[in-house]
Amino acid sequence: MSSSAELIIEIGQAHDGSLGILHSYIDAFSKAGADVIKFQMHLAEAESSEFEPFRVNFSYEDKTRYDYWQRMSFTFEQWQGIKSHCDEVGVEFLCTPFSMKALDWLEQLNVKRHKIASGEVTNLLMLDMLAEIGKPVLLSSGMSNFLEMDNAVSIFRGKGVETSVFQCTTSYPTPPERVGINVLAQLKERYNCPIGLSDHSGSIFPALAAVSQGAEMVEVHGVFDKGLFGPDSSSSLTISEIQTLRQGFDFIGKMHQSPVNKDDIDQYKDLKKMFGKSLGVRADLPKDHIITRADLEAKKSDGRGIDASDYYQVIGKKLTCDKAANSVLALADIEEI
């Protein structure tokens, strides 16, 4: 893992139900710089009922949203292969459960941490089970207010569970005025825990801003092309954008880890001499001329005569000799200072 902020790339539904495309994403995202690749485990029969309002036609291929979730699902054996692939390429496998059955499967896969979707923050059935499991949790806050978040965090802290909290806006794509970058500081102060941003803007800017403000983790969706079918495509980053984001995280991380002492300017000695200025005269001036500020110019480089910072000491002094225009003014050229 990089020493900079943790970069979590969400595949979500970008695979469109294709196991082959999903594995292609694992390779692409790991090469682009992901520390963690995140998935969603949707098991339609476990998480949905006949009353689900999403049971509507919304695609060319699926009659209902329920059919869509069925098409997005994989068998347990396939999930084993997905996690193994992540292990092979050196990224953490992270997955959001949307049912207790999915949580059971993830525990069988021996995941390191659990990610809680914003829609599950008030699902105490799942939260209590996660607290009993005891693994670190990443809690997304998208559809929750502080009271609901307080309750969720208290459940985990009551069991000593390591908890991280993410600012998230459940809007796809999220416009800049709704990202809520200000909430990061509020989360840090309120919960005193690692904080992150789960971003759906479809741009790299919120993530970079969040890391600059101290976010330890950022989650973004990734996709091969934003024109592909899927609920998250327009809210995702392309491979090249993910690469740029990784570079940005590393650059910002190095800045944070390398505080600069503004009083230590020894490294600039030679440059200061090169770019420093000595006093010169702007026009031909005769001997005994009384020097005014209008007569003076600051000329490169330093150390060639009277330093430009000492100009006030020569104002009102007489020249001891004629001075040609653009010549440097030396101590011997003026009456004793």
Protein backbone atom coordinates (compact mmCIF):
# COMPACT_ATOMS: atom_id res chain seq x y z
CA MET A 1 0.00 0.00 0.00
CA SER A 2 1.16 3.51 -0.77
CA SER A 3 2.25 5.82 2.06
CA SER A 4 -0.27 8.35 0.76
CA ALA A 5 -4.06 8.23 1.17
CA GLU A 6 -5.68 4.86 0.54
CA LEU A 7 -7.27 4.69 -2.91
CA ILE A 8 -10.35 2.47 -3.10
CA ILE A 9 -11.71 1.82 -6.58
CA GLU A 10 -15.30 0.64 -6.73
CA ILE A 11 -16.27 -1.68 -9.58
CA GLY A 12 -19.91 -1.70 -8.50
CA GLN A 13 -22.05 -2.72 -11.46
CA ALA A 14 -19.52 -1.68 -14.11
CA HIS A 15 -19.05 -5.34 -15.05
CA ASP A 16 -22.73 -5.50 -16.18
CA GLY A 17 -22.98 -9.09 -15.03
CA SER A 18 -19.96 -10.34 -16.99
CA LEU A 19 -17.43 -12.27 -14.92
CA GLY A 20 -14.81 -11.79 -17.62
CA ILE A 21 -15.23 -8.02 -17.64
CA LEU A 22 -15.07 -7.99 -13.84
CA HIS A 23 -11.70 -9.76 -13.88
CA SER A 24 -10.51 -7.32 -16.55
CA TYR A 25 -11.35 -4.50 -14.18
CA ILE A 26 -9.30 -6.10 -11.41
CA ASP A 27 -6.22 -6.13 -13.65
CA ALA A 28 -6.84 -2.60 -14.95
CA PHE A 29 -7.52 -1.00 -11.57
CA SER A 30 -4.59 -2.69 -9.86
CA LYS A 31 -2.22 -1.46 -12.59
CA ALA A 32 -3.72 2.05 -12.35
CA GLY A 33 -2.74 2.28 -8.68
CA ALA A 34 -5.66 1.03 -6.59
CA ASP A 35 -4.86 -0.04 -3.04
CA VAL A 36 -8.27 -1.63 -2.66
CA ILE A 37 -10.82 -2.84 -5.22
CA LYS A 38 -14.38 -2.74 -3.94
CA PHE A 39 -17.36 -4.77 -5.06
CA GLN A 40 -21.06 -4.94 -4.26
CA MET A 41 -22.58 -8.29 -3.41
CA HIS A 42 -26.19 -8.24 -4.58
CA LEU A 43 -28.22 -11.39 -4.01
CA ALA A 44 -31.64 -10.42 -5.30
CA GLU A 45 -33.69 -13.04 -3.50
CA ALA A 46 -32.06 -12.17 -0.17
CA GLU A 47 -32.11 -8.37 -0.28
CA SER A 48 -35.34 -7.62 -2.16
CA SER A 49 -39.04 -8.28 -1.63
CA GLU A 50 -42.04 -8.05 -3.93
CA PHE A 51 -42.64 -4.56 -2.58
CA GLU A 52 -39.32 -3.13 -3.72
CA PRO A 53 -40.08 0.06 -5.71
CA PHE A 54 -37.20 -0.67 -8.05
CA ARG A 55 -39.13 -3.53 -9.63
CA VAL A 56 -39.49 -1.51 -12.83
CA ASN A 57 -38.16 -1.82 -16.34
CA PHE A 58 -35.10 0.37 -16.79
CA SER A 59 -32.88 -1.39 -19.31
CA TYR A 60 -33.03 -3.10 -22.69
CA GLU A 61 -32.03 -6.42 -21.18
CA ASP A 62 -33.88 -6.58 -17.86
CA LYS A 63 -37.63 -6.45 -17.36
CA THR A 64 -37.30 -5.25 -13.78
CA ARG A 65 -34.63 -3.98 -11.43
CA TYR A 66 -34.94 -7.30 -9.61
CA ASP A 67 -33.98 -9.07 -12.83
CA TYR A 68 -31.06 -6.69 -13.10
CA TRP A 69 -29.78 -7.58 -9.63
CA GLN A 70 -30.09 -11.24 -10.49
CA ARG A 71 -28.00 -10.67 -13.59
CA MET A 72 -25.42 -8.77 -11.52
CA SER A 73 -24.97 -11.63 -9.04
CA PHE A 74 -22.30 -14.33 -8.98
CA THR A 75 -22.08 -17.72 -7.29
CA PHE A 76 -20.08 -18.19 -4.12
CA GLU A 77 -17.47 -20.13 -6.09
CA GLN A 78 -17.15 -17.23 -8.53
CA TRP A 79 -16.68 -14.83 -5.62
CA GLN A 80 -13.90 -17.07 -4.36
CA GLY A 81 -12.18 -16.67 -7.71
CA ILE A 82 -12.69 -12.91 -7.64
CA LYS A 83 -11.07 -12.59 -4.21
CA SER A 84 -8.21 -14.87 -5.26
CA HIS A 85 -7.55 -12.66 -8.28
CA CYS A 86 -7.35 -9.59 -6.03
CA ASP A 87 -4.91 -11.42 -3.76
CA GLU A 88 -2.77 -12.38 -6.75
CA VAL A 89 -2.41 -8.80 -8.02
CA GLY A 90 -1.73 -7.40 -4.55
CA VAL A 91 -4.88 -5.38 -3.85
CA GLU A 92 -7.32 -5.77 -1.00
CA PHE A 93 -10.69 -7.31 -1.81
CA LEU A 94 -13.44 -5.19 -0.23
CA CYS A 95 -17.13 -5.81 -0.73
CA THR A 96 -20.37 -4.23 0.45
CA PRO A 97 -23.03 -6.71 1.60
CA PHE A 98 -26.67 -5.83 0.97
CA SER A 99 -28.12 -8.80 2.84
CA MET A 100 -27.30 -11.05 5.75
CA LYS A 101 -26.64 -13.86 3.27
CA ALA A 102 -24.09 -11.69 1.51
CA LEU A 103 -22.47 -10.94 4.87
CA ASP A 104 -22.28 -14.69 5.57
CA TRP A 105 -20.57 -15.22 2.21
CA LEU A 106 -18.07 -12.44 2.85
CA GLU A 107 -17.16 -13.93 6.19
CA GLN A 108 -16.59 -17.27 4.49
CA LEU A 109 -14.29 -15.43 2.06
CA ASN A 110 -12.39 -14.15 5.12
CA VAL A 111 -12.42 -10.49 4.14
CA LYS A 112 -10.16 -8.12 6.07
CA ARG A 113 -12.75 -5.36 6.55
CA HIS A 114 -16.39 -4.65 5.83
CA LYS A 115 -17.79 -1.65 3.95
CA ILE A 116 -21.26 -0.49 4.97
CA ALA A 117 -23.35 1.23 2.32
CA SER A 118 -25.12 4.43 3.31
CA GLY A 119 -28.50 2.75 2.89
CA GLU A 120 -27.58 0.20 5.56
CA VAL A 121 -26.67 2.68 8.34
CA THR A 122 -30.04 2.17 10.03
CA ASN A 123 -30.13 -1.59 9.34
CA LEU A 124 -29.45 -2.60 12.95
CA LEU A 125 -29.83 -6.28 12.06
CA MET A 126 -26.70 -6.01 9.94
CA LEU A 127 -24.85 -3.52 12.17
CA ASP A 128 -25.24 -5.66 15.28
CA MET A 129 -23.94 -8.70 13.40
CA LEU A 130 -20.96 -6.73 12.07
CA ALA A 131 -20.22 -5.49 15.60
CA GLU A 132 -20.23 -9.07 16.88
CA ILE A 133 -17.93 -10.15 14.05
CA GLY A 134 -15.52 -7.44 15.21
CA LYS A 135 -13.63 -6.71 12.00
CA PRO A 136 -12.88 -3.07 11.07
CA VAL A 137 -15.76 -1.32 9.33
CA LEU A 138 -15.87 1.50 6.79
CA LEU A 139 -19.12 3.38 7.34
CA SER A 140 -20.60 5.46 4.53
CA SER A 141 -22.86 8.37 5.52
CA GLY A 142 -24.62 9.23 2.25
CA MET A 143 -28.29 9.08 3.27
CA SER A 144 -27.78 9.51 7.02
CA ASN A 145 -27.85 12.46 9.40
CA PHE A 146 -25.56 12.81 12.39
CA LEU A 147 -28.02 11.22 14.81
CA GLU A 148 -28.19 8.07 12.69
CA MET A 149 -24.42 8.06 12.28
CA ASP A 150 -23.93 8.55 16.03
CA ASN A 151 -26.05 5.49 16.69
CA ALA A 152 -24.16 3.35 14.17
CA VAL A 153 -20.76 4.43 15.45
CA SER A 154 -21.80 3.77 19.05
CA ILE A 155 -22.82 0.21 18.15
CA PHE A 156 -19.33 -0.50 16.83
CA ARG A 157 -17.45 1.34 19.55
CA GLY A 158 -19.49 -0.49 22.14
CA LYS A 159 -17.87 -3.67 20.85
CA GLY A 160 -14.43 -2.12 20.34
CA VAL A 161 -14.69 -2.31 16.55
CA GLU A 162 -12.27 -0.12 14.59
CA THR A 163 -14.47 2.31 12.67
CA SER A 164 -13.77 4.67 9.77
CA VAL A 165 -16.38 7.15 8.55
CA PHE A 166 -16.88 8.41 5.00
CA GLN A 167 -18.57 11.56 3.80
CA CYS A 168 -20.78 10.53 0.91
CA THR A 169 -23.50 12.10 -1.18
CA THR A 170 -26.04 9.73 -2.68
CA SER A 171 -26.36 11.50 -6.00
CA TYR A 172 -25.10 10.16 -9.33
CA PRO A 173 -23.23 12.12 -10.50
CA THR A 174 -22.71 14.46 -7.54
CA PRO A 175 -22.51 18.16 -8.46
CA PRO A 176 -19.74 20.17 -6.76
CA GLU A 177 -22.13 22.07 -4.50
CA ARG A 178 -23.29 18.78 -2.95
CA VAL A 179 -19.95 17.03 -2.37
CA GLY A 180 -19.85 18.32 1.21
CA ILE A 181 -16.11 18.68 1.57
CA ASN A 182 -16.78 20.66 4.77
CA VAL A 183 -18.22 17.56 6.42
CA LEU A 184 -14.82 15.86 6.54
CA ALA A 185 -13.62 18.12 9.36
CA GLN A 186 -16.93 17.67 11.16
CA LEU A 187 -16.61 13.89 10.99
CA LYS A 188 -13.03 14.04 12.26
CA GLU A 189 -13.99 16.25 15.20
CA ARG A 190 -17.14 14.34 16.04
CA TYR A 191 -15.80 10.79 15.85
CA ASN A 192 -12.01 11.17 16.15
CA CYS A 193 -11.42 8.31 13.74
CA PRO A 194 -10.01 7.79 10.25
CA ILE A 195 -12.13 9.67 7.73
CA GLY A 196 -12.67 9.31 4.02
CA LEU A 197 -14.66 10.52 1.05
CA SER A 198 -16.87 8.24 -1.02
CA ASP A 199 -17.21 10.29 -4.18
CA HIS A 200 -19.66 10.01 -7.06
CA SER A 201 -18.84 13.21 -8.94
CA GLY A 202 -17.18 11.55 -11.93
CA SER A 203 -14.17 13.87 -11.58
CA ILE A 204 -10.85 13.73 -9.75
CA PHE A 205 -11.23 17.09 -8.00
CA PRO A 206 -13.22 16.14 -4.85
CA ALA A 207 -10.85 13.27 -4.10
CA LEU A 208 -7.78 15.50 -4.39
CA ALA A 209 -9.43 18.17 -2.25
CA ALA A 210 -10.35 15.59 0.38
CA VAL A 211 -6.81 14.22 0.63
CA SER A 212 -5.44 17.76 0.85
CA GLN A 213 -7.73 18.26 3.85
CA GLY A 214 -6.56 15.13 5.62
CA ALA A 215 -8.79 12.33 4.37
CA GLU A 216 -7.01 9.02 4.90
CA MET A 217 -9.15 7.14 2.37
CA VAL A 218 -11.01 7.96 -0.82
CA GLU A 219 -13.42 5.73 -2.70
CA VAL A 220 -14.33 6.40 -6.32
CA HIS A 221 -16.11 4.35 -8.95
CA GLY A 222 -14.11 3.21 -11.96
CA VAL A 223 -15.18 2.33 -15.49
CA PHE A 224 -13.54 1.65 -18.85
CA ASP A 225 -15.72 4.25 -20.55
CA LYS A 226 -18.30 6.64 -19.11
CA GLY A 227 -20.64 5.91 -22.00
CA LEU A 228 -21.13 2.26 -21.00
CA PHE A 229 -24.50 1.11 -19.72
CA GLY A 230 -24.86 1.05 -15.96
CA PRO A 231 -26.18 3.14 -13.06
CA ASP A 232 -22.71 4.39 -12.07
CA SER A 233 -20.92 4.96 -15.39
CA SER A 234 -21.37 8.73 -15.57
CA SER A 235 -20.30 9.00 -11.92
CA SER A 236 -17.10 7.00 -12.40
CA LEU A 237 -13.49 7.69 -13.31
CA THR A 238 -11.75 6.22 -16.34
CA ILE A 239 -8.47 4.33 -16.10
CA SER A 240 -6.43 7.38 -17.09
CA GLU A 241 -8.25 9.49 -14.49
CA ILE A 242 -7.53 6.87 -11.84
CA GLN A 243 -3.84 6.95 -12.78
CA THR A 244 -3.83 10.74 -12.44
CA LEU A 245 -5.58 10.44 -9.09
CA ARG A 246 -2.97 7.98 -7.85
CA GLN A 247 -0.20 10.37 -8.86
CA GLY A 248 -2.03 13.19 -7.10
CA PHE A 249 -2.44 11.19 -3.89
CA ASP A 250 1.27 10.32 -3.85
CA PHE A 251 2.27 13.92 -4.56
CA ILE A 252 0.01 15.27 -1.84
CA GLY A 253 1.19 12.57 0.55
CA LYS A 254 4.81 13.58 0.06
CA MET A 255 3.90 17.21 0.67
CA HIS A 256 2.18 16.36 3.95
CA GLN A 257 5.09 14.16 5.04
CA SER A 258 7.70 16.80 4.23
CA PRO A 259 7.08 20.00 6.22
CA VAL A 260 9.19 22.93 5.07
CA ASN A 261 11.07 25.20 7.49
CA LYS A 262 10.60 28.61 5.91
CA ASP A 263 13.48 30.02 7.99
CA ASP A 264 15.97 27.53 6.53
CA ILE A 265 17.16 29.22 3.32
CA ASP A 266 20.73 27.89 3.19
CA GLN A 267 19.88 26.00 0.01
CA TYR A 268 19.20 29.32 -1.71
CA LYS A 269 22.58 30.96 -1.02
CA ASP A 270 23.82 30.71 -4.60
CA LEU A 271 20.44 31.63 -6.07
CA LYS A 272 20.11 34.65 -3.81
CA LYS A 273 23.52 35.83 -4.97
CA MET A 274 22.53 35.29 -8.60
CA PHE A 275 19.16 37.01 -8.35
CA GLY A 276 20.08 39.55 -5.69
CA LYS A 277 20.46 43.19 -6.69
CA SER A 278 23.16 45.84 -6.30
CA LEU A 279 22.60 49.58 -6.65
CA GLY A 280 23.27 51.26 -9.98
CA VAL A 281 22.49 54.63 -11.52
CA ARG A 282 19.88 55.15 -14.24
CA ALA A 283 21.54 58.08 -16.08
CA ASP A 284 24.89 59.88 -16.40
CA LEU A 285 25.51 61.70 -13.14
CA PRO A 286 28.28 64.28 -12.45
CA LYS A 287 30.61 64.44 -9.48
CA ASP A 288 29.03 66.15 -6.43
CA HIS A 289 25.52 65.22 -7.59
CA ILE A 290 23.17 64.71 -4.64
CA ILE A 291 21.68 61.26 -5.01
CA THR A 292 17.89 60.87 -5.00
CA ARG A 293 15.82 57.74 -5.18
CA ALA A 294 14.91 58.59 -8.79
CA ASP A 295 18.60 58.28 -9.71
CA LEU A 296 18.83 54.65 -8.60
CA GLU A 297 18.20 51.26 -10.16
CA ALA A 298 18.56 47.76 -8.67
CA LYS A 299 20.75 45.64 -10.96
CA LYS A 300 21.78 41.98 -10.95
CA SER A 301 23.74 40.53 -9.37
CA ASP A 302 24.36 40.72 -5.67
CA GLY A 303 27.75 41.67 -4.23
CA ARG A 304 28.81 43.99 -7.07
CA GLY A 305 28.57 47.19 -5.05
CA ILE A 306 26.14 48.58 -2.51
CA ASP A 307 23.32 46.17 -1.81
CA ALA A 308 19.93 47.31 -3.09
CA SER A 309 18.45 46.79 0.37
CA ASP A 310 20.76 49.59 1.64
CA TYR A 311 19.56 52.21 -0.85
CA TYR A 312 18.21 54.48 1.88
CA GLN A 313 21.76 55.01 3.18
CA VAL A 314 22.89 56.71 -0.04
CA ILE A 315 19.91 59.03 -0.51
CA GLY A 316 21.13 62.65 -0.03
CA LYS A 317 24.81 61.73 -0.36
CA LYS A 318 27.20 63.34 -2.88
CA LEU A 319 28.94 61.47 -5.66
CA THR A 320 32.73 61.52 -5.38
CA CYS A 321 33.11 60.96 -9.11
CA ASP A 322 31.25 61.00 -12.39
CA LYS A 323 29.01 57.95 -12.90
CA ALA A 324 27.96 56.63 -16.29
CA ALA A 325 24.40 55.50 -16.91
CA ASN A 326 23.72 51.86 -15.91
CA SER A 327 26.96 51.55 -13.95
CA VAL A 328 27.06 49.94 -10.52
CA LEU A 329 27.37 52.21 -7.51
CA ALA A 330 30.29 51.34 -5.19
CA LEU A 331 31.03 52.62 -1.67
CA ALA A 332 33.99 54.65 -3.04
CA ASP A 333 31.65 56.50 -5.40
CA ILE A 334 29.82 58.37 -2.64
CA GLU A 335 30.83 60.43 0.35
CA GLU A 336 31.36 58.36 3.47
CA ILE A 337 28.18 56.75 4.75
